[in-house]
Amino acid sequence: MVSNVTSKSKSTNLTNRARMLVSCPDRPGIVAAVSRFLYEHGANIVQSDQYTMDPEGGLFFIRIEFDLDNLDARREQLKADFAVVAAEFNMKWSITRASRKKRLAIFVSKEDHCLLELLWHWQSGDLDADIAMVISNHDDMRGLVEPLGIPYHHIPVTPDTKAEAEKRQLELVSGQVDVVILARYMQIISPKFIEHFPNKIINIHHSFLPAFVGGKPYAQAYNRGVKIIGATAHYVTEELDGGPIIEQDVQRVSHRDNVEDLKRIGRHIERTVLARAVNWHVEDRVIVHQNKTVVFS
């Protein structure tokens, strides 16, 4: 079952708006070529961001939003025509419709703070995406999710059933969602699952890694007397908690803060950082290069 419930629409009419992401070796004329191409096809650029790693021999990244009348009918021809420009500059590129909302699957366990933040952003229209489903290895969050018209799937996971549980998860999400969000989902995702969603699985974790690995990271941090705590949102790769970082944030703490204070502060940072990362991804603001990201936030 897939939900047809959608969030409130943003005020801007995105029917004829497209987003272009480009990465290529840096050289003179890239911006001119792209701009000229869009001009000759009758498009109006409404936003443009660019970044170069190194003016000589580095890589160049650009994100452009543009409006084009009758976009749906013209998009495939536009992409075919742009392929000629892309080949000249050895570009990796994409053109997507801004009006086509990405569909999300949110994975969650027992902690609700990150899920609640995403639901609130979605309800308010600040997260321009559709939540297709929530999947959990526990049944705790059903009462938060189903009243919103979002399908909730409880798939228990044990060491003996992990493979079968993941098979069921893949059956639910394959062809139904564009992005998987691990909103404090306390299970390791297998390489086989990751293969289906390269750079499309977003995770959130406390920034104590790798200094405080294993259980009770906040207790470990408290015992070490840390002065800064934080959180990191990143894409999931086969390297545990080692994928490209999308967003991070920190907050200062002191000796006056006990373990529960650190947990409370940490939860706030985690929910904020994850929401930012998901929002930037669904608005096509992230380009992955090797194990890093360029984020046009």
C-alpha atoms as a PDB file:
ATOM      1  CA  MET A   1       0.000   0.000   0.000  1.00  0.00           C
ATOM      2  CA  VAL A   2       1.253   3.468  -0.904  1.00  0.00           C
ATOM      3  CA  SER A   3      -0.131   6.618   0.666  1.00  0.00           C
ATOM      4  CA  ASN A   4      -1.639   9.326  -1.528  1.00  0.00           C
ATOM      5  CA  VAL A   5      -1.492  11.823   1.318  1.00  0.00           C
ATOM      6  CA  THR A   6       0.731  14.785   0.512  1.00  0.00           C
ATOM      7  CA  SER A   7       2.028  17.752   2.451  1.00  0.00           C
ATOM      8  CA  LYS A   8       0.882  21.309   1.980  1.00  0.00           C
ATOM      9  CA  SER A   9       2.222  22.786  -1.250  1.00  0.00           C
ATOM     10  CA  LYS A  10       4.796  25.524  -1.269  1.00  0.00           C
ATOM     11  CA  SER A  11       3.519  28.833  -2.567  1.00  0.00           C
ATOM     12  CA  THR A  12       5.833  28.975  -5.611  1.00  0.00           C
ATOM     13  CA  ASN A  13       4.383  27.458  -8.785  1.00  0.00           C
ATOM     14  CA  LEU A  14       6.908  24.820  -9.777  1.00  0.00           C
ATOM     15  CA  THR A  15       5.041  23.365 -12.764  1.00  0.00           C
ATOM     16  CA  ASN A  16       7.545  24.656 -15.316  1.00  0.00           C
ATOM     17  CA  ARG A  17      10.630  24.732 -13.102  1.00  0.00           C
ATOM     18  CA  ALA A  18      13.570  22.371 -13.508  1.00  0.00           C
ATOM     19  CA  ARG A  19      16.813  21.797 -11.643  1.00  0.00           C
ATOM     20  CA  MET A  20      20.124  21.067 -13.312  1.00  0.00           C
ATOM     21  CA  LEU A  21      23.107  19.580 -11.476  1.00  0.00           C
ATOM     22  CA  VAL A  22      26.469  19.447 -13.240  1.00  0.00           C
ATOM     23  CA  SER A  23      29.970  18.317 -12.274  1.00  0.00           C
ATOM     24  CA  CYS A  24      32.905  18.277 -14.685  1.00  0.00           C
ATOM     25  CA  PRO A  25      36.599  19.089 -15.011  1.00  0.00           C
ATOM     26  CA  ASP A  26      37.125  22.821 -14.560  1.00  0.00           C
ATOM     27  CA  ARG A  27      37.937  24.857 -17.665  1.00  0.00           C
ATOM     28  CA  PRO A  28      36.920  28.191 -19.165  1.00  0.00           C
ATOM     29  CA  GLY A  29      33.510  28.467 -20.788  1.00  0.00           C
ATOM     30  CA  ILE A  30      31.406  26.070 -18.715  1.00  0.00           C
ATOM     31  CA  VAL A  31      29.007  28.663 -17.310  1.00  0.00           C
ATOM     32  CA  ALA A  32      28.794  30.409 -20.671  1.00  0.00           C
ATOM     33  CA  ALA A  33      27.963  27.168 -22.477  1.00  0.00           C
ATOM     34  CA  VAL A  34      25.258  26.144 -20.017  1.00  0.00           C
ATOM     35  CA  SER A  35      23.724  29.621 -19.870  1.00  0.00           C
ATOM     36  CA  ARG A  36      23.760  29.961 -23.650  1.00  0.00           C
ATOM     37  CA  PHE A  37      22.124  26.558 -24.039  1.00  0.00           C
ATOM     38  CA  LEU A  38      19.292  27.472 -21.672  1.00  0.00           C
ATOM     39  CA  TYR A  39      18.840  30.883 -23.314  1.00  0.00           C
ATOM     40  CA  GLU A  40      18.657  29.368 -26.794  1.00  0.00           C
ATOM     41  CA  HIS A  41      15.976  26.964 -25.591  1.00  0.00           C
ATOM     42  CA  GLY A  42      13.887  29.780 -24.100  1.00  0.00           C
ATOM     43  CA  ALA A  43      14.586  29.021 -20.449  1.00  0.00           C
ATOM     44  CA  ASN A  44      14.827  31.660 -17.738  1.00  0.00           C
ATOM     45  CA  ILE A  45      17.443  31.043 -15.030  1.00  0.00           C
ATOM     46  CA  VAL A  46      16.013  31.877 -11.603  1.00  0.00           C
ATOM     47  CA  GLN A  47      18.867  30.612  -9.415  1.00  0.00           C
ATOM     48  CA  SER A  48      22.475  29.617 -10.029  1.00  0.00           C
ATOM     49  CA  ASP A  49      25.193  28.397  -7.640  1.00  0.00           C
ATOM     50  CA  GLN A  50      28.660  27.207  -8.535  1.00  0.00           C
ATOM     51  CA  TYR A  51      31.847  25.968  -6.918  1.00  0.00           C
ATOM     52  CA  THR A  52      35.273  24.980  -8.172  1.00  0.00           C
ATOM     53  CA  MET A  53      37.661  22.733  -6.275  1.00  0.00           C
ATOM     54  CA  ASP A  54      40.707  24.117  -8.057  1.00  0.00           C
ATOM     55  CA  PRO A  55      40.778  26.592 -10.970  1.00  0.00           C
ATOM     56  CA  GLU A  56      43.567  24.564 -12.577  1.00  0.00           C
ATOM     57  CA  GLY A  57      42.902  20.874 -12.977  1.00  0.00           C
ATOM     58  CA  GLY A  58      40.122  20.645 -10.385  1.00  0.00           C
ATOM     59  CA  LEU A  59      36.431  19.884 -10.672  1.00  0.00           C
ATOM     60  CA  PHE A  60      33.627  22.365 -11.246  1.00  0.00           C
ATOM     61  CA  PHE A  61      30.113  22.025  -9.800  1.00  0.00           C
ATOM     62  CA  ILE A  62      27.010  24.006 -10.681  1.00  0.00           C
ATOM     63  CA  ARG A  63      23.341  23.933  -9.697  1.00  0.00           C
ATOM     64  CA  ILE A  64      20.839  25.887 -11.768  1.00  0.00           C
ATOM     65  CA  GLU A  65      17.094  26.312 -11.387  1.00  0.00           C
ATOM     66  CA  PHE A  66      15.286  27.523 -14.462  1.00  0.00           C
ATOM     67  CA  ASP A  67      11.762  28.012 -15.769  1.00  0.00           C
ATOM     68  CA  LEU A  68      10.761  26.728 -19.189  1.00  0.00           C
ATOM     69  CA  ASP A  69       7.275  26.959 -20.681  1.00  0.00           C
ATOM     70  CA  ASN A  70       5.613  23.600 -21.334  1.00  0.00           C
ATOM     71  CA  LEU A  71       8.421  21.841 -19.468  1.00  0.00           C
ATOM     72  CA  ASP A  72       6.796  18.399 -19.286  1.00  0.00           C
ATOM     73  CA  ALA A  73       6.431  18.133 -23.050  1.00  0.00           C
ATOM     74  CA  ARG A  74       9.885  19.545 -23.778  1.00  0.00           C
ATOM     75  CA  ARG A  75      12.024  17.951 -21.047  1.00  0.00           C
ATOM     76  CA  GLU A  76      13.129  14.819 -22.907  1.00  0.00           C
ATOM     77  CA  GLN A  77      14.167  16.814 -25.975  1.00  0.00           C
ATOM     78  CA  LEU A  78      15.928  19.307 -23.721  1.00  0.00           C
ATOM     79  CA  LYS A  79      17.920  16.481 -22.142  1.00  0.00           C
ATOM     80  CA  ALA A  80      18.793  15.014 -25.542  1.00  0.00           C
ATOM     81  CA  ASP A  81      20.029  18.402 -26.758  1.00  0.00           C
ATOM     82  CA  PHE A  82      22.028  19.069 -23.605  1.00  0.00           C
ATOM     83  CA  ALA A  83      23.834  15.746 -23.972  1.00  0.00           C
ATOM     84  CA  VAL A  84      25.826  17.354 -26.799  1.00  0.00           C
ATOM     85  CA  VAL A  85      27.037  20.151 -24.506  1.00  0.00           C
ATOM     86  CA  ALA A  86      27.712  17.669 -21.711  1.00  0.00           C
ATOM     87  CA  ALA A  87      29.876  15.512 -23.955  1.00  0.00           C
ATOM     88  CA  GLU A  88      32.037  18.495 -24.938  1.00  0.00           C
ATOM     89  CA  PHE A  89      32.831  19.272 -21.288  1.00  0.00           C
ATOM     90  CA  ASN A  90      32.847  15.678 -19.981  1.00  0.00           C
ATOM     91  CA  MET A  91      29.967  16.453 -17.626  1.00  0.00           C
ATOM     92  CA  LYS A  92      28.088  14.302 -15.164  1.00  0.00           C
ATOM     93  CA  TRP A  93      24.664  15.895 -15.079  1.00  0.00           C
ATOM     94  CA  SER A  94      20.969  15.596 -14.367  1.00  0.00           C
ATOM     95  CA  ILE A  95      17.848  17.607 -15.126  1.00  0.00           C
ATOM     96  CA  THR A  96      14.854  17.035 -12.852  1.00  0.00           C
ATOM     97  CA  ARG A  97      11.416  18.577 -12.518  1.00  0.00           C
ATOM     98  CA  ALA A  98      11.007  20.625  -9.353  1.00  0.00           C
ATOM     99  CA  SER A  99       7.291  19.770  -9.277  1.00  0.00           C
ATOM    100  CA  ARG A 100       7.999  16.046  -9.060  1.00  0.00           C
ATOM    101  CA  LYS A 101       8.165  15.444  -5.314  1.00  0.00           C
ATOM    102  CA  LYS A 102      10.525  12.750  -4.148  1.00  0.00           C
ATOM    103  CA  ARG A 103       8.938   9.890  -2.239  1.00  0.00           C
ATOM    104  CA  LEU A 104      10.429   8.990   1.124  1.00  0.00           C
ATOM    105  CA  ALA A 105      10.518   5.838   3.225  1.00  0.00           C
ATOM    106  CA  ILE A 106      11.373   6.595   6.845  1.00  0.00           C
ATOM    107  CA  PHE A 107      12.943   3.818   8.906  1.00  0.00           C
ATOM    108  CA  VAL A 108      12.667   4.210  12.680  1.00  0.00           C
ATOM    109  CA  SER A 109      13.136   2.152  15.844  1.00  0.00           C
ATOM    110  CA  LYS A 110      12.055   3.299  19.331  1.00  0.00           C
ATOM    111  CA  GLU A 111      13.304   6.894  19.463  1.00  0.00           C
ATOM    112  CA  ASP A 112      10.742   9.286  18.010  1.00  0.00           C
ATOM    113  CA  HIS A 113      12.468  12.694  17.899  1.00  0.00           C
ATOM    114  CA  CYS A 114      13.822  12.537  14.343  1.00  0.00           C
ATOM    115  CA  LEU A 115      10.613  11.011  12.971  1.00  0.00           C
ATOM    116  CA  LEU A 116       8.501  13.695  14.665  1.00  0.00           C
ATOM    117  CA  GLU A 117      10.685  16.458  13.224  1.00  0.00           C
ATOM    118  CA  LEU A 118      10.298  15.124   9.691  1.00  0.00           C
ATOM    119  CA  LEU A 119       6.546  14.680  10.101  1.00  0.00           C
ATOM    120  CA  TRP A 120       6.210  18.232  11.390  1.00  0.00           C
ATOM    121  CA  HIS A 121       8.217  19.665   8.475  1.00  0.00           C
ATOM    122  CA  TRP A 122       6.153  17.581   6.071  1.00  0.00           C
ATOM    123  CA  GLN A 123       2.827  18.689   7.557  1.00  0.00           C
ATOM    124  CA  SER A 124       3.838  22.352   7.490  1.00  0.00           C
ATOM    125  CA  GLY A 125       4.955  22.153   3.856  1.00  0.00           C
ATOM    126  CA  ASP A 126       8.583  22.909   4.651  1.00  0.00           C
ATOM    127  CA  LEU A 127       9.638  19.439   3.480  1.00  0.00           C
ATOM    128  CA  ASP A 128       8.712  19.359  -0.206  1.00  0.00           C
ATOM    129  CA  ALA A 129       8.350  15.590  -0.481  1.00  0.00           C
ATOM    130  CA  ASP A 130       5.823  12.799  -0.073  1.00  0.00           C
ATOM    131  CA  ILE A 131       6.187  10.316   2.774  1.00  0.00           C
ATOM    132  CA  ALA A 132       5.244   7.023   1.168  1.00  0.00           C
ATOM    133  CA  MET A 133       5.665   4.851   4.262  1.00  0.00           C
ATOM    134  CA  VAL A 134       7.266   4.375   7.658  1.00  0.00           C
ATOM    135  CA  ILE A 135       9.009   1.083   8.384  1.00  0.00           C
ATOM    136  CA  SER A 136      10.023   0.037  11.883  1.00  0.00           C
ATOM    137  CA  ASN A 137      11.413  -2.954  13.717  1.00  0.00           C
ATOM    138  CA  HIS A 138       9.090  -1.984  16.578  1.00  0.00           C
ATOM    139  CA  ASP A 139       5.399  -1.111  16.733  1.00  0.00           C
ATOM    140  CA  ASP A 140       5.828   1.915  19.011  1.00  0.00           C
ATOM    141  CA  MET A 141       5.348   4.662  16.393  1.00  0.00           C
ATOM    142  CA  ARG A 142       2.201   3.358  14.731  1.00  0.00           C
ATOM    143  CA  GLY A 143      -0.037   5.741  16.682  1.00  0.00           C
ATOM    144  CA  LEU A 144       1.997   8.733  15.500  1.00  0.00           C
ATOM    145  CA  VAL A 145       2.028   7.734  11.844  1.00  0.00           C
ATOM    146  CA  GLU A 146      -1.239   6.094  10.817  1.00  0.00           C
ATOM    147  CA  PRO A 147      -3.529   8.978  11.868  1.00  0.00           C
ATOM    148  CA  LEU A 148      -1.700  11.047   9.219  1.00  0.00           C
ATOM    149  CA  GLY A 149      -2.690   8.574   6.508  1.00  0.00           C
ATOM    150  CA  ILE A 150       0.839   7.228   6.115  1.00  0.00           C
ATOM    151  CA  PRO A 151       1.230   3.420   5.885  1.00  0.00           C
ATOM    152  CA  TYR A 152       3.132   1.931   8.827  1.00  0.00           C
ATOM    153  CA  HIS A 153       4.924  -1.383   8.416  1.00  0.00           C
ATOM    154  CA  HIS A 154       6.130  -3.262  11.480  1.00  0.00           C
ATOM    155  CA  ILE A 155       8.896  -5.690  10.496  1.00  0.00           C
ATOM    156  CA  PRO A 156      10.597  -7.215  13.543  1.00  0.00           C
ATOM    157  CA  VAL A 157      14.320  -7.865  13.201  1.00  0.00           C
ATOM    158  CA  THR A 158      16.295 -10.499  15.079  1.00  0.00           C
ATOM    159  CA  PRO A 159      19.688 -12.040  14.274  1.00  0.00           C
ATOM    160  CA  ASP A 160      17.877 -15.084  12.910  1.00  0.00           C
ATOM    161  CA  THR A 161      15.317 -13.141  10.835  1.00  0.00           C
ATOM    162  CA  LYS A 162      17.427 -10.194   9.655  1.00  0.00           C
ATOM    163  CA  ALA A 163      17.842 -11.445   6.077  1.00  0.00           C
ATOM    164  CA  GLU A 164      14.130 -12.186   5.687  1.00  0.00           C
ATOM    165  CA  ALA A 165      13.196  -8.847   7.289  1.00  0.00           C
ATOM    166  CA  GLU A 166      15.414  -6.940   4.889  1.00  0.00           C
ATOM    167  CA  LYS A 167      13.949  -8.849   1.951  1.00  0.00           C
ATOM    168  CA  ARG A 168      10.491  -7.716   3.050  1.00  0.00           C
ATOM    169  CA  GLN A 169      11.730  -4.132   3.422  1.00  0.00           C
ATOM    170  CA  LEU A 170      13.128  -4.172  -0.107  1.00  0.00           C
ATOM    171  CA  GLU A 171       9.836  -5.511  -1.447  1.00  0.00           C
ATOM    172  CA  LEU A 172       8.046  -2.553   0.136  1.00  0.00           C
ATOM    173  CA  VAL A 173      10.382   0.199  -1.051  1.00  0.00           C
ATOM    174  CA  SER A 174      11.575  -1.029  -4.462  1.00  0.00           C
ATOM    175  CA  GLY A 175       9.998   1.090  -7.175  1.00  0.00           C
ATOM    176  CA  GLN A 176       7.944   2.971  -4.583  1.00  0.00           C
ATOM    177  CA  VAL A 177      10.386   5.451  -3.039  1.00  0.00           C
ATOM    178  CA  ASP A 178      13.294   7.626  -4.125  1.00  0.00           C
ATOM    179  CA  VAL A 179      15.005   8.081  -0.766  1.00  0.00           C
ATOM    180  CA  VAL A 180      15.340   6.068   2.446  1.00  0.00           C
ATOM    181  CA  ILE A 181      15.709   8.023   5.697  1.00  0.00           C
ATOM    182  CA  LEU A 182      17.171   6.285   8.748  1.00  0.00           C
ATOM    183  CA  ALA A 183      15.564   8.356  11.511  1.00  0.00           C
ATOM    184  CA  ARG A 184      17.415   6.696  14.398  1.00  0.00           C
ATOM    185  CA  TYR A 185      16.852   3.245  12.931  1.00  0.00           C
ATOM    186  CA  MET A 186      19.031   1.042  15.108  1.00  0.00           C
ATOM    187  CA  GLN A 187      19.875  -1.694  12.625  1.00  0.00           C
ATOM    188  CA  ILE A 188      22.806  -1.995  10.234  1.00  0.00           C
ATOM    189  CA  ILE A 189      21.794  -1.843   6.563  1.00  0.00           C
ATOM    190  CA  SER A 190      23.359  -4.576   4.441  1.00  0.00           C
ATOM    191  CA  PRO A 191      25.470  -3.900   1.314  1.00  0.00           C
ATOM    192  CA  LYS A 192      22.779  -5.604  -0.781  1.00  0.00           C
ATOM    193  CA  PHE A 193      20.183  -3.084   0.380  1.00  0.00           C
ATOM    194  CA  ILE A 194      22.563  -0.161  -0.153  1.00  0.00           C
ATOM    195  CA  GLU A 195      23.136  -1.252  -3.764  1.00  0.00           C
ATOM    196  CA  HIS A 196      19.503  -0.439  -4.530  1.00  0.00           C
ATOM    197  CA  PHE A 197      19.803   3.142  -3.233  1.00  0.00           C
ATOM    198  CA  PRO A 198      23.312   4.508  -3.919  1.00  0.00           C
ATOM    199  CA  ASN A 199      23.663   7.928  -2.250  1.00  0.00           C
ATOM    200  CA  LYS A 200      19.938   7.785  -1.523  1.00  0.00           C
ATOM    201  CA  ILE A 201      19.974   6.492   2.059  1.00  0.00           C
ATOM    202  CA  ILE A 202      20.428   9.237   4.658  1.00  0.00           C
ATOM    203  CA  ASN A 203      21.451   8.413   8.214  1.00  0.00           C
ATOM    204  CA  ILE A 204      21.826  10.494  11.388  1.00  0.00           C
ATOM    205  CA  HIS A 205      24.232   9.768  14.230  1.00  0.00           C
ATOM    206  CA  HIS A 206      25.895  11.530  17.110  1.00  0.00           C
ATOM    207  CA  SER A 207      29.246  13.077  16.230  1.00  0.00           C
ATOM    208  CA  PHE A 208      31.136  11.246  18.970  1.00  0.00           C
ATOM    209  CA  LEU A 209      32.151   8.615  16.430  1.00  0.00           C
ATOM    210  CA  PRO A 210      34.759   7.266  16.229  1.00  0.00           C
ATOM    211  CA  ALA A 211      35.908   8.541  19.635  1.00  0.00           C
ATOM    212  CA  PHE A 212      32.942   7.030  21.491  1.00  0.00           C
ATOM    213  CA  VAL A 213      31.945   3.916  19.589  1.00  0.00           C
ATOM    214  CA  GLY A 214      29.569   1.250  20.828  1.00  0.00           C
ATOM    215  CA  GLY A 215      26.802   1.626  23.375  1.00  0.00           C
ATOM    216  CA  LYS A 216      25.927   4.596  25.577  1.00  0.00           C
ATOM    217  CA  PRO A 217      27.903   7.245  23.681  1.00  0.00           C
ATOM    218  CA  TYR A 218      26.496  10.078  25.801  1.00  0.00           C
ATOM    219  CA  ALA A 219      27.581   8.354  28.993  1.00  0.00           C
ATOM    220  CA  GLN A 220      31.043   7.873  27.494  1.00  0.00           C
ATOM    221  CA  ALA A 221      31.159  11.531  26.512  1.00  0.00           C
ATOM    222  CA  TYR A 222      30.039  12.615  29.973  1.00  0.00           C
ATOM    223  CA  ASN A 223      32.728  10.508  31.599  1.00  0.00           C
ATOM    224  CA  ARG A 224      35.329  12.165  29.386  1.00  0.00           C
ATOM    225  CA  GLY A 225      34.036  15.641  30.221  1.00  0.00           C
ATOM    226  CA  VAL A 226      33.388  16.736  26.642  1.00  0.00           C
ATOM    227  CA  LYS A 227      32.707  20.416  25.957  1.00  0.00           C
ATOM    228  CA  ILE A 228      31.077  20.054  22.526  1.00  0.00           C
ATOM    229  CA  ILE A 229      28.492  17.551  21.308  1.00  0.00           C
ATOM    230  CA  GLY A 230      26.973  17.274  17.864  1.00  0.00           C
ATOM    231  CA  ALA A 231      25.360  15.212  15.142  1.00  0.00           C
ATOM    232  CA  THR A 232      26.164  14.203  11.567  1.00  0.00           C
ATOM    233  CA  ALA A 233      23.834  13.412   8.671  1.00  0.00           C
ATOM    234  CA  HIS A 234      25.439  11.386   5.916  1.00  0.00           C
ATOM    235  CA  TYR A 235      24.748   9.054   3.037  1.00  0.00           C
ATOM    236  CA  VAL A 236      24.999   5.380   3.905  1.00  0.00           C
ATOM    237  CA  THR A 237      27.766   3.317   2.318  1.00  0.00           C
ATOM    238  CA  GLU A 238      29.231  -0.079   3.086  1.00  0.00           C
ATOM    239  CA  GLU A 239      31.683   1.629   5.440  1.00  0.00           C
ATOM    240  CA  LEU A 240      29.776   1.944   8.709  1.00  0.00           C
ATOM    241  CA  ASP A 241      29.098   5.635   9.469  1.00  0.00           C
ATOM    242  CA  GLY A 242      31.714   6.527   6.853  1.00  0.00           C
ATOM    243  CA  GLY A 243      29.608   7.790   3.943  1.00  0.00           C
ATOM    244  CA  PRO A 244      29.652  11.295   2.421  1.00  0.00           C
ATOM    245  CA  ILE A 245      28.652  13.913   5.015  1.00  0.00           C
ATOM    246  CA  ILE A 246      25.717  16.171   4.138  1.00  0.00           C
ATOM    247  CA  GLU A 247      25.310  18.264   7.280  1.00  0.00           C
ATOM    248  CA  GLN A 248      26.696  18.616  10.810  1.00  0.00           C
ATOM    249  CA  ASP A 249      26.066  20.818  13.820  1.00  0.00           C
ATOM    250  CA  VAL A 250      27.386  21.166  17.349  1.00  0.00           C
ATOM    251  CA  GLN A 251      26.504  22.779  20.670  1.00  0.00           C
ATOM    252  CA  ARG A 252      28.712  23.626  23.609  1.00  0.00           C
ATOM    253  CA  VAL A 253      28.082  21.872  26.922  1.00  0.00           C
ATOM    254  CA  SER A 254      29.733  22.131  30.319  1.00  0.00           C
ATOM    255  CA  HIS A 255      30.493  20.223  33.516  1.00  0.00           C
ATOM    256  CA  ARG A 256      27.040  21.267  34.747  1.00  0.00           C
ATOM    257  CA  ASP A 257      25.337  19.063  32.143  1.00  0.00           C
ATOM    258  CA  ASN A 258      24.663  15.482  33.229  1.00  0.00           C
ATOM    259  CA  VAL A 259      24.088  12.485  30.952  1.00  0.00           C
ATOM    260  CA  GLU A 260      20.377  13.228  30.570  1.00  0.00           C
ATOM    261  CA  ASP A 261      21.166  16.826  29.631  1.00  0.00           C
ATOM    262  CA  LEU A 262      23.571  15.602  26.954  1.00  0.00           C
ATOM    263  CA  LYS A 263      20.933  13.235  25.577  1.00  0.00           C
ATOM    264  CA  ARG A 264      18.337  16.018  25.457  1.00  0.00           C
ATOM    265  CA  ILE A 265      20.697  18.450  23.744  1.00  0.00           C
ATOM    266  CA  GLY A 266      21.906  15.708  21.402  1.00  0.00           C
ATOM    267  CA  ARG A 267      18.368  14.792  20.351  1.00  0.00           C
ATOM    268  CA  HIS A 268      17.666  18.400  19.424  1.00  0.00           C
ATOM    269  CA  ILE A 269      20.799  18.593  17.276  1.00  0.00           C
ATOM    270  CA  GLU A 270      20.079  15.237  15.631  1.00  0.00           C
ATOM    271  CA  ARG A 271      16.540  16.145  14.607  1.00  0.00           C
ATOM    272  CA  THR A 272      17.605  19.534  13.234  1.00  0.00           C
ATOM    273  CA  VAL A 273      20.581  18.207  11.294  1.00  0.00           C
ATOM    274  CA  LEU A 274      18.607  15.331   9.759  1.00  0.00           C
ATOM    275  CA  ALA A 275      15.763  17.616   8.677  1.00  0.00           C
ATOM    276  CA  ARG A 276      18.224  19.966   6.955  1.00  0.00           C
ATOM    277  CA  ALA A 277      19.963  17.117   5.159  1.00  0.00           C
ATOM    278  CA  VAL A 278      16.718  15.555   3.931  1.00  0.00           C
ATOM    279  CA  ASN A 279      15.421  18.922   2.749  1.00  0.00           C
ATOM    280  CA  TRP A 280      18.608  19.652   0.785  1.00  0.00           C
ATOM    281  CA  HIS A 281      18.524  16.217  -0.807  1.00  0.00           C
ATOM    282  CA  VAL A 282      14.906  16.422  -1.965  1.00  0.00           C
ATOM    283  CA  GLU A 283      15.567  19.882  -3.433  1.00  0.00           C
ATOM    284  CA  ASP A 284      18.522  18.523  -5.443  1.00  0.00           C
ATOM    285  CA  ARG A 285      21.062  20.652  -3.607  1.00  0.00           C
ATOM    286  CA  VAL A 286      23.648  17.913  -3.012  1.00  0.00           C
ATOM    287  CA  ILE A 287      26.302  16.626  -5.405  1.00  0.00           C
ATOM    288  CA  VAL A 288      28.380  13.654  -4.257  1.00  0.00           C
ATOM    289  CA  HIS A 289      32.012  13.503  -5.322  1.00  0.00           C
ATOM    290  CA  GLN A 290      33.969  10.496  -4.114  1.00  0.00           C
ATOM    291  CA  ASN A 291      33.392  10.487  -0.338  1.00  0.00           C
ATOM    292  CA  LYS A 292      32.524  14.171  -0.045  1.00  0.00           C
ATOM    293  CA  THR A 293      29.574  16.345  -0.919  1.00  0.00           C
ATOM    294  CA  VAL A 294      29.044  19.777  -2.398  1.00  0.00           C
ATOM    295  CA  VAL A 295      25.911  21.216  -0.803  1.00  0.00           C
ATOM    296  CA  PHE A 296      24.295  24.284  -2.392  1.00  0.00           C
ATOM    297  CA  SER A 297      22.285  25.131   0.731  1.00  0.00           C
END
